[in-house]
């Protein structure tokens, strides 16, 4: 049975395009694998805590040296990491806010990336001492954008800082290969015209198709 971690990062609830996209993706997956287990993590509704000095102090100590207070400081992080460990597929629904990650998504990333939990650090590896302790996962990023033309050669090429950020996190810290990362985006939202309608409808169709296709490949 596949375990799918659904992370919704939009601050919008009923009007969120990315929530519609993650819902369609899950529907598509269920059409091919009805028994898929979905772990819902709504960080838009309930944002994770930001990292604090107490968190850092606790996180960089060996577990056996942590006080109860330190363990409490890391409890939220451990719960989020456990979900990531369980997941075969991580599907993130996130709008592009100010050309980057929403604050809630950045906070989630910071909570799940922990030395000794999701990556190891060894200076014997030379200039690249960090290595993920995870492997075999798939990442799906479903996004919405107010503008358009973020593709290579587009009029806003290089302005989308969310996709490269998530790809770097995935490949460097979560053990996900480039070939196991998929992206779908709805654009033109701020223009609210026919282009946006077409883009949104196409993204919704693509989300269903991708969910169904990946479920079939996972069998």
C-alpha atoms as a PDB file:
ATOM      1  CA  UNK A   1       0.000   0.000   0.000  1.00  0.00           C
ATOM      2  CA  UNK A   2       1.358   3.393  -0.992  1.00  0.00           C
ATOM      3  CA  UNK A   3       1.629   6.133   1.630  1.00  0.00           C
ATOM      4  CA  UNK A   4       1.041   9.621   0.254  1.00  0.00           C
ATOM      5  CA  UNK A   5       1.887  12.703   2.340  1.00  0.00           C
ATOM      6  CA  UNK A   6      -0.332  15.589   1.230  1.00  0.00           C
ATOM      7  CA  UNK A   7       1.067  18.973   2.267  1.00  0.00           C
ATOM      8  CA  UNK A   8      -1.215  21.974   1.656  1.00  0.00           C
ATOM      9  CA  UNK A   9       0.585  25.298   2.083  1.00  0.00           C
ATOM     10  CA  UNK A  10      -1.942  27.842   0.837  1.00  0.00           C
ATOM     11  CA  UNK A  11      -3.258  30.367   3.348  1.00  0.00           C
ATOM     12  CA  UNK A  12      -6.490  30.350   1.358  1.00  0.00           C
ATOM     13  CA  UNK A  13      -9.001  27.653   2.182  1.00  0.00           C
ATOM     14  CA  UNK A  14     -12.147  27.500   0.020  1.00  0.00           C
ATOM     15  CA  UNK A  15     -10.713  29.606  -2.822  1.00  0.00           C
ATOM     16  CA  UNK A  16      -7.339  27.867  -3.038  1.00  0.00           C
ATOM     17  CA  UNK A  17      -6.322  26.554  -6.458  1.00  0.00           C
ATOM     18  CA  UNK A  18      -3.491  24.446  -5.050  1.00  0.00           C
ATOM     19  CA  UNK A  19      -5.861  22.709  -2.648  1.00  0.00           C
ATOM     20  CA  UNK A  20      -8.000  21.807  -5.650  1.00  0.00           C
ATOM     21  CA  UNK A  21      -4.904  20.475  -7.390  1.00  0.00           C
ATOM     22  CA  UNK A  22      -3.831  18.268  -4.477  1.00  0.00           C
ATOM     23  CA  UNK A  23      -7.399  16.985  -4.176  1.00  0.00           C
ATOM     24  CA  UNK A  24      -7.473  16.093  -7.866  1.00  0.00           C
ATOM     25  CA  UNK A  25      -4.081  14.421  -7.618  1.00  0.00           C
ATOM     26  CA  UNK A  26      -5.267  12.253  -4.731  1.00  0.00           C
ATOM     27  CA  UNK A  27      -8.473  11.449  -6.631  1.00  0.00           C
ATOM     28  CA  UNK A  28      -6.414  10.363  -9.616  1.00  0.00           C
ATOM     29  CA  UNK A  29      -4.215   8.166  -7.448  1.00  0.00           C
ATOM     30  CA  UNK A  30      -7.228   6.572  -5.773  1.00  0.00           C
ATOM     31  CA  UNK A  31      -8.722   5.759  -9.175  1.00  0.00           C
ATOM     32  CA  UNK A  32      -5.766   3.396  -9.722  1.00  0.00           C
ATOM     33  CA  UNK A  33      -5.050   2.442  -6.106  1.00  0.00           C
ATOM     34  CA  UNK A  34      -8.188   2.759  -3.948  1.00  0.00           C
ATOM     35  CA  UNK A  35      -6.348   1.628  -0.830  1.00  0.00           C
ATOM     36  CA  UNK A  36      -3.696   4.364  -0.875  1.00  0.00           C
ATOM     37  CA  UNK A  37      -3.046   5.810   2.590  1.00  0.00           C
ATOM     38  CA  UNK A  38      -3.118   9.617   2.637  1.00  0.00           C
ATOM     39  CA  UNK A  39      -1.452  11.555   5.443  1.00  0.00           C
ATOM     40  CA  UNK A  40      -2.956  15.068   5.445  1.00  0.00           C
ATOM     41  CA  UNK A  41      -0.729  17.897   6.651  1.00  0.00           C
ATOM     42  CA  UNK A  42      -2.418  21.290   6.314  1.00  0.00           C
ATOM     43  CA  UNK A  43       0.357  23.766   7.051  1.00  0.00           C
ATOM     44  CA  UNK A  44      -1.619  26.632   5.519  1.00  0.00           C
ATOM     45  CA  UNK A  45      -4.286  26.214   8.184  1.00  0.00           C
ATOM     46  CA  UNK A  46      -1.866  25.202  10.956  1.00  0.00           C
ATOM     47  CA  UNK A  47       1.615  26.593  10.181  1.00  0.00           C
ATOM     48  CA  UNK A  48       4.585  24.813  11.751  1.00  0.00           C
ATOM     49  CA  UNK A  49       6.646  26.672  14.303  1.00  0.00           C
ATOM     50  CA  UNK A  50       9.704  28.549  13.134  1.00  0.00           C
ATOM     51  CA  UNK A  51      13.105  27.336  14.260  1.00  0.00           C
ATOM     52  CA  UNK A  52      14.352  28.860  17.528  1.00  0.00           C
ATOM     53  CA  UNK A  53      17.645  28.890  19.416  1.00  0.00           C
ATOM     54  CA  UNK A  54      16.277  26.223  21.777  1.00  0.00           C
ATOM     55  CA  UNK A  55      15.383  24.055  18.761  1.00  0.00           C
ATOM     56  CA  UNK A  56      18.868  24.410  17.277  1.00  0.00           C
ATOM     57  CA  UNK A  57      20.593  23.662  20.576  1.00  0.00           C
ATOM     58  CA  UNK A  58      18.519  20.523  21.043  1.00  0.00           C
ATOM     59  CA  UNK A  59      18.773  19.382  17.433  1.00  0.00           C
ATOM     60  CA  UNK A  60      22.549  19.398  17.331  1.00  0.00           C
ATOM     61  CA  UNK A  61      22.950  17.370  20.524  1.00  0.00           C
ATOM     62  CA  UNK A  62      22.979  13.548  20.472  1.00  0.00           C
ATOM     63  CA  UNK A  63      19.533  12.244  21.561  1.00  0.00           C
ATOM     64  CA  UNK A  64      20.911  10.675  24.736  1.00  0.00           C
ATOM     65  CA  UNK A  65      22.193  14.072  25.919  1.00  0.00           C
ATOM     66  CA  UNK A  66      18.911  15.955  25.521  1.00  0.00           C
ATOM     67  CA  UNK A  67      16.932  17.111  28.522  1.00  0.00           C
ATOM     68  CA  UNK A  68      13.164  16.708  28.621  1.00  0.00           C
ATOM     69  CA  UNK A  69      12.858  20.391  27.763  1.00  0.00           C
ATOM     70  CA  UNK A  70      14.976  19.825  24.662  1.00  0.00           C
ATOM     71  CA  UNK A  71      12.901  16.819  23.657  1.00  0.00           C
ATOM     72  CA  UNK A  72       9.788  18.951  24.005  1.00  0.00           C
ATOM     73  CA  UNK A  73      11.354  21.614  21.760  1.00  0.00           C
ATOM     74  CA  UNK A  74      11.845  18.979  19.043  1.00  0.00           C
ATOM     75  CA  UNK A  75       8.508  17.162  19.445  1.00  0.00           C
ATOM     76  CA  UNK A  76       6.802  18.971  16.566  1.00  0.00           C
ATOM     77  CA  UNK A  77       9.800  18.351  14.313  1.00  0.00           C
ATOM     78  CA  UNK A  78       9.835  14.635  15.172  1.00  0.00           C
ATOM     79  CA  UNK A  79       6.130  14.307  14.315  1.00  0.00           C
ATOM     80  CA  UNK A  80       6.635  15.984  10.929  1.00  0.00           C
ATOM     81  CA  UNK A  81       9.756  13.929  10.188  1.00  0.00           C
ATOM     82  CA  UNK A  82       7.860  10.730  11.013  1.00  0.00           C
ATOM     83  CA  UNK A  83       5.298  11.604   8.333  1.00  0.00           C
ATOM     84  CA  UNK A  84       8.050  12.194   5.775  1.00  0.00           C
ATOM     85  CA  UNK A  85       9.691   8.882   6.665  1.00  0.00           C
ATOM     86  CA  UNK A  86       6.409   7.020   6.213  1.00  0.00           C
ATOM     87  CA  UNK A  87       5.649   8.625   2.857  1.00  0.00           C
ATOM     88  CA  UNK A  88       6.400   7.007  -0.469  1.00  0.00           C
ATOM     89  CA  UNK A  89       5.141  10.132  -2.231  1.00  0.00           C
ATOM     90  CA  UNK A  90       5.232  13.719  -0.953  1.00  0.00           C
ATOM     91  CA  UNK A  91       2.750  15.945  -2.777  1.00  0.00           C
ATOM     92  CA  UNK A  92       3.030  19.648  -2.015  1.00  0.00           C
ATOM     93  CA  UNK A  93       0.306  22.083  -3.005  1.00  0.00           C
ATOM     94  CA  UNK A  94       1.704  25.579  -2.753  1.00  0.00           C
ATOM     95  CA  UNK A  95       1.120  28.990  -4.308  1.00  0.00           C
ATOM     96  CA  UNK A  96       4.061  31.104  -5.402  1.00  0.00           C
ATOM     97  CA  UNK A  97       4.182  33.922  -2.842  1.00  0.00           C
ATOM     98  CA  UNK A  98       6.386  36.885  -3.758  1.00  0.00           C
ATOM     99  CA  UNK A  99       8.263  34.608  -6.179  1.00  0.00           C
ATOM    100  CA  UNK A 100       9.183  32.177  -3.407  1.00  0.00           C
ATOM    101  CA  UNK A 101       7.907  29.772  -0.766  1.00  0.00           C
ATOM    102  CA  UNK A 102       5.036  30.677   1.562  1.00  0.00           C
ATOM    103  CA  UNK A 103       6.307  31.145   5.108  1.00  0.00           C
ATOM    104  CA  UNK A 104       4.453  28.042   6.310  1.00  0.00           C
ATOM    105  CA  UNK A 105       6.181  25.859   3.701  1.00  0.00           C
ATOM    106  CA  UNK A 106       9.616  27.223   4.605  1.00  0.00           C
ATOM    107  CA  UNK A 107       8.870  26.527   8.269  1.00  0.00           C
ATOM    108  CA  UNK A 108       7.842  22.950   7.380  1.00  0.00           C
ATOM    109  CA  UNK A 109      11.060  22.422   5.425  1.00  0.00           C
ATOM    110  CA  UNK A 110      13.139  23.705   8.337  1.00  0.00           C
ATOM    111  CA  UNK A 111      11.308  21.395  10.750  1.00  0.00           C
ATOM    112  CA  UNK A 112      11.849  18.233   8.674  1.00  0.00           C
ATOM    113  CA  UNK A 113      15.500  18.781   7.751  1.00  0.00           C
ATOM    114  CA  UNK A 114      17.464  17.589  10.780  1.00  0.00           C
ATOM    115  CA  UNK A 115      20.967  16.255  11.240  1.00  0.00           C
ATOM    116  CA  UNK A 116      20.826  12.665  12.445  1.00  0.00           C
ATOM    117  CA  UNK A 117      17.226  12.345  11.302  1.00  0.00           C
ATOM    118  CA  UNK A 118      16.995  13.152   7.593  1.00  0.00           C
ATOM    119  CA  UNK A 119      20.655  13.779   6.782  1.00  0.00           C
ATOM    120  CA  UNK A 120      24.135  12.996   8.071  1.00  0.00           C
ATOM    121  CA  UNK A 121      27.170  15.277   8.183  1.00  0.00           C
ATOM    122  CA  UNK A 122      30.717  13.956   7.752  1.00  0.00           C
ATOM    123  CA  UNK A 123      33.729  16.113   6.911  1.00  0.00           C
ATOM    124  CA  UNK A 124      35.452  12.997   5.593  1.00  0.00           C
ATOM    125  CA  UNK A 125      33.278  13.508   2.511  1.00  0.00           C
ATOM    126  CA  UNK A 126      35.248  16.631   1.645  1.00  0.00           C
ATOM    127  CA  UNK A 127      33.473  19.677   0.239  1.00  0.00           C
ATOM    128  CA  UNK A 128      30.083  17.924   0.248  1.00  0.00           C
ATOM    129  CA  UNK A 129      29.732  16.623   3.821  1.00  0.00           C
ATOM    130  CA  UNK A 130      25.917  16.440   3.808  1.00  0.00           C
ATOM    131  CA  UNK A 131      24.186  13.237   2.713  1.00  0.00           C
ATOM    132  CA  UNK A 132      20.518  12.341   2.997  1.00  0.00           C
ATOM    133  CA  UNK A 133      19.602   9.315   5.069  1.00  0.00           C
ATOM    134  CA  UNK A 134      16.350   8.910   3.088  1.00  0.00           C
ATOM    135  CA  UNK A 135      15.812   7.403  -0.365  1.00  0.00           C
ATOM    136  CA  UNK A 136      13.247   6.025  -2.764  1.00  0.00           C
ATOM    137  CA  UNK A 137      10.662   8.793  -2.461  1.00  0.00           C
ATOM    138  CA  UNK A 138       8.786  10.805  -5.084  1.00  0.00           C
ATOM    139  CA  UNK A 139       8.050  14.541  -4.899  1.00  0.00           C
ATOM    140  CA  UNK A 140       5.088  16.183  -6.641  1.00  0.00           C
ATOM    141  CA  UNK A 141       4.821  19.995  -6.566  1.00  0.00           C
ATOM    142  CA  UNK A 142       1.446  21.471  -7.536  1.00  0.00           C
ATOM    143  CA  UNK A 143       1.580  25.260  -7.663  1.00  0.00           C
ATOM    144  CA  UNK A 144      -0.423  28.319  -8.612  1.00  0.00           C
ATOM    145  CA  UNK A 145       1.082  31.566  -9.860  1.00  0.00           C
ATOM    146  CA  UNK A 146      -0.430  34.988 -10.251  1.00  0.00           C
ATOM    147  CA  UNK A 147       1.684  35.768 -13.308  1.00  0.00           C
ATOM    148  CA  UNK A 148       3.072  33.669 -16.166  1.00  0.00           C
ATOM    149  CA  UNK A 149       6.176  33.100 -18.287  1.00  0.00           C
ATOM    150  CA  UNK A 150       8.381  31.490 -15.638  1.00  0.00           C
ATOM    151  CA  UNK A 151       9.564  28.732 -17.968  1.00  0.00           C
ATOM    152  CA  UNK A 152      13.105  28.793 -19.448  1.00  0.00           C
ATOM    153  CA  UNK A 153      13.162  31.578 -22.022  1.00  0.00           C
ATOM    154  CA  UNK A 154       9.889  33.024 -20.698  1.00  0.00           C
ATOM    155  CA  UNK A 155       9.418  36.684 -19.859  1.00  0.00           C
ATOM    156  CA  UNK A 156       9.823  35.865 -16.125  1.00  0.00           C
ATOM    157  CA  UNK A 157      12.531  33.241 -16.487  1.00  0.00           C
ATOM    158  CA  UNK A 158      14.454  33.050 -13.200  1.00  0.00           C
ATOM    159  CA  UNK A 159      11.785  34.745 -11.099  1.00  0.00           C
ATOM    160  CA  UNK A 160      10.322  31.514  -9.720  1.00  0.00           C
ATOM    161  CA  UNK A 161      12.478  30.760  -6.667  1.00  0.00           C
ATOM    162  CA  UNK A 162      10.155  28.134  -5.182  1.00  0.00           C
ATOM    163  CA  UNK A 163      10.747  25.339  -7.692  1.00  0.00           C
ATOM    164  CA  UNK A 164      14.572  25.383  -7.574  1.00  0.00           C
ATOM    165  CA  UNK A 165      14.465  25.674  -3.785  1.00  0.00           C
ATOM    166  CA  UNK A 166      12.256  22.592  -3.423  1.00  0.00           C
ATOM    167  CA  UNK A 167      14.300  20.666  -6.000  1.00  0.00           C
ATOM    168  CA  UNK A 168      17.512  21.394  -4.097  1.00  0.00           C
ATOM    169  CA  UNK A 169      15.941  20.331  -0.797  1.00  0.00           C
ATOM    170  CA  UNK A 170      14.599  17.171  -2.415  1.00  0.00           C
ATOM    171  CA  UNK A 171      17.793  16.092  -4.153  1.00  0.00           C
ATOM    172  CA  UNK A 172      20.338  17.194  -1.542  1.00  0.00           C
ATOM    173  CA  UNK A 173      18.487  16.534   1.716  1.00  0.00           C
ATOM    174  CA  UNK A 174      15.604  14.112   1.092  1.00  0.00           C
ATOM    175  CA  UNK A 175      17.338  11.619  -1.188  1.00  0.00           C
ATOM    176  CA  UNK A 176      14.908  12.197  -4.074  1.00  0.00           C
ATOM    177  CA  UNK A 177      16.317  11.920  -7.600  1.00  0.00           C
ATOM    178  CA  UNK A 178      15.606  14.522 -10.300  1.00  0.00           C
ATOM    179  CA  UNK A 179      13.703  11.866 -12.235  1.00  0.00           C
ATOM    180  CA  UNK A 180      11.306  11.407  -9.330  1.00  0.00           C
ATOM    181  CA  UNK A 181      10.257  15.082  -9.140  1.00  0.00           C
ATOM    182  CA  UNK A 182       7.104  16.238 -10.958  1.00  0.00           C
ATOM    183  CA  UNK A 183       5.624  19.725 -11.250  1.00  0.00           C
ATOM    184  CA  UNK A 184       2.291  21.128 -12.443  1.00  0.00           C
ATOM    185  CA  UNK A 185       1.367  24.816 -12.311  1.00  0.00           C
ATOM    186  CA  UNK A 186      -1.709  26.954 -12.861  1.00  0.00           C
ATOM    187  CA  UNK A 187      -0.807  30.473 -14.010  1.00  0.00           C
ATOM    188  CA  UNK A 188      -2.340  33.896 -14.876  1.00  0.00           C
ATOM    189  CA  UNK A 189      -4.370  34.032 -11.657  1.00  0.00           C
ATOM    190  CA  UNK A 190      -3.943  37.789 -11.155  1.00  0.00           C
ATOM    191  CA  UNK A 191      -5.197  38.459 -14.689  1.00  0.00           C
ATOM    192  CA  UNK A 192      -8.420  36.504 -14.078  1.00  0.00           C
ATOM    193  CA  UNK A 193      -9.026  36.103 -17.801  1.00  0.00           C
ATOM    194  CA  UNK A 194      -9.498  33.294 -20.314  1.00  0.00           C
ATOM    195  CA  UNK A 195      -5.801  32.445 -20.136  1.00  0.00           C
ATOM    196  CA  UNK A 196      -6.142  31.808 -16.414  1.00  0.00           C
ATOM    197  CA  UNK A 197      -9.263  29.710 -16.919  1.00  0.00           C
ATOM    198  CA  UNK A 198      -7.506  27.559 -19.527  1.00  0.00           C
ATOM    199  CA  UNK A 199      -4.362  27.215 -17.416  1.00  0.00           C
ATOM    200  CA  UNK A 200      -6.310  26.271 -14.300  1.00  0.00           C
ATOM    201  CA  UNK A 201      -8.456  23.708 -16.091  1.00  0.00           C
ATOM    202  CA  UNK A 202      -5.416  22.161 -17.759  1.00  0.00           C
ATOM    203  CA  UNK A 203      -3.575  21.946 -14.435  1.00  0.00           C
ATOM    204  CA  UNK A 204      -6.548  20.235 -12.809  1.00  0.00           C
ATOM    205  CA  UNK A 205      -6.695  17.688 -15.629  1.00  0.00           C
ATOM    206  CA  UNK A 206      -2.949  17.137 -15.456  1.00  0.00           C
ATOM    207  CA  UNK A 207      -3.093  16.596 -11.680  1.00  0.00           C
ATOM    208  CA  UNK A 208      -5.663  13.812 -12.053  1.00  0.00           C
ATOM    209  CA  UNK A 209      -3.686  12.199 -14.871  1.00  0.00           C
ATOM    210  CA  UNK A 210      -0.379  12.386 -13.006  1.00  0.00           C
ATOM    211  CA  UNK A 211      -1.872  10.876  -9.863  1.00  0.00           C
ATOM    212  CA  UNK A 212      -3.341   7.985 -11.815  1.00  0.00           C
ATOM    213  CA  UNK A 213      -0.146   7.425 -13.815  1.00  0.00           C
ATOM    214  CA  UNK A 214       2.181   7.430 -10.817  1.00  0.00           C
ATOM    215  CA  UNK A 215      -0.142   5.077  -8.940  1.00  0.00           C
ATOM    216  CA  UNK A 216       0.010   2.675 -11.867  1.00  0.00           C
ATOM    217  CA  UNK A 217       3.820   2.880 -11.952  1.00  0.00           C
ATOM    218  CA  UNK A 218       3.968   2.201  -8.216  1.00  0.00           C
ATOM    219  CA  UNK A 219       2.091  -1.092  -8.531  1.00  0.00           C
END
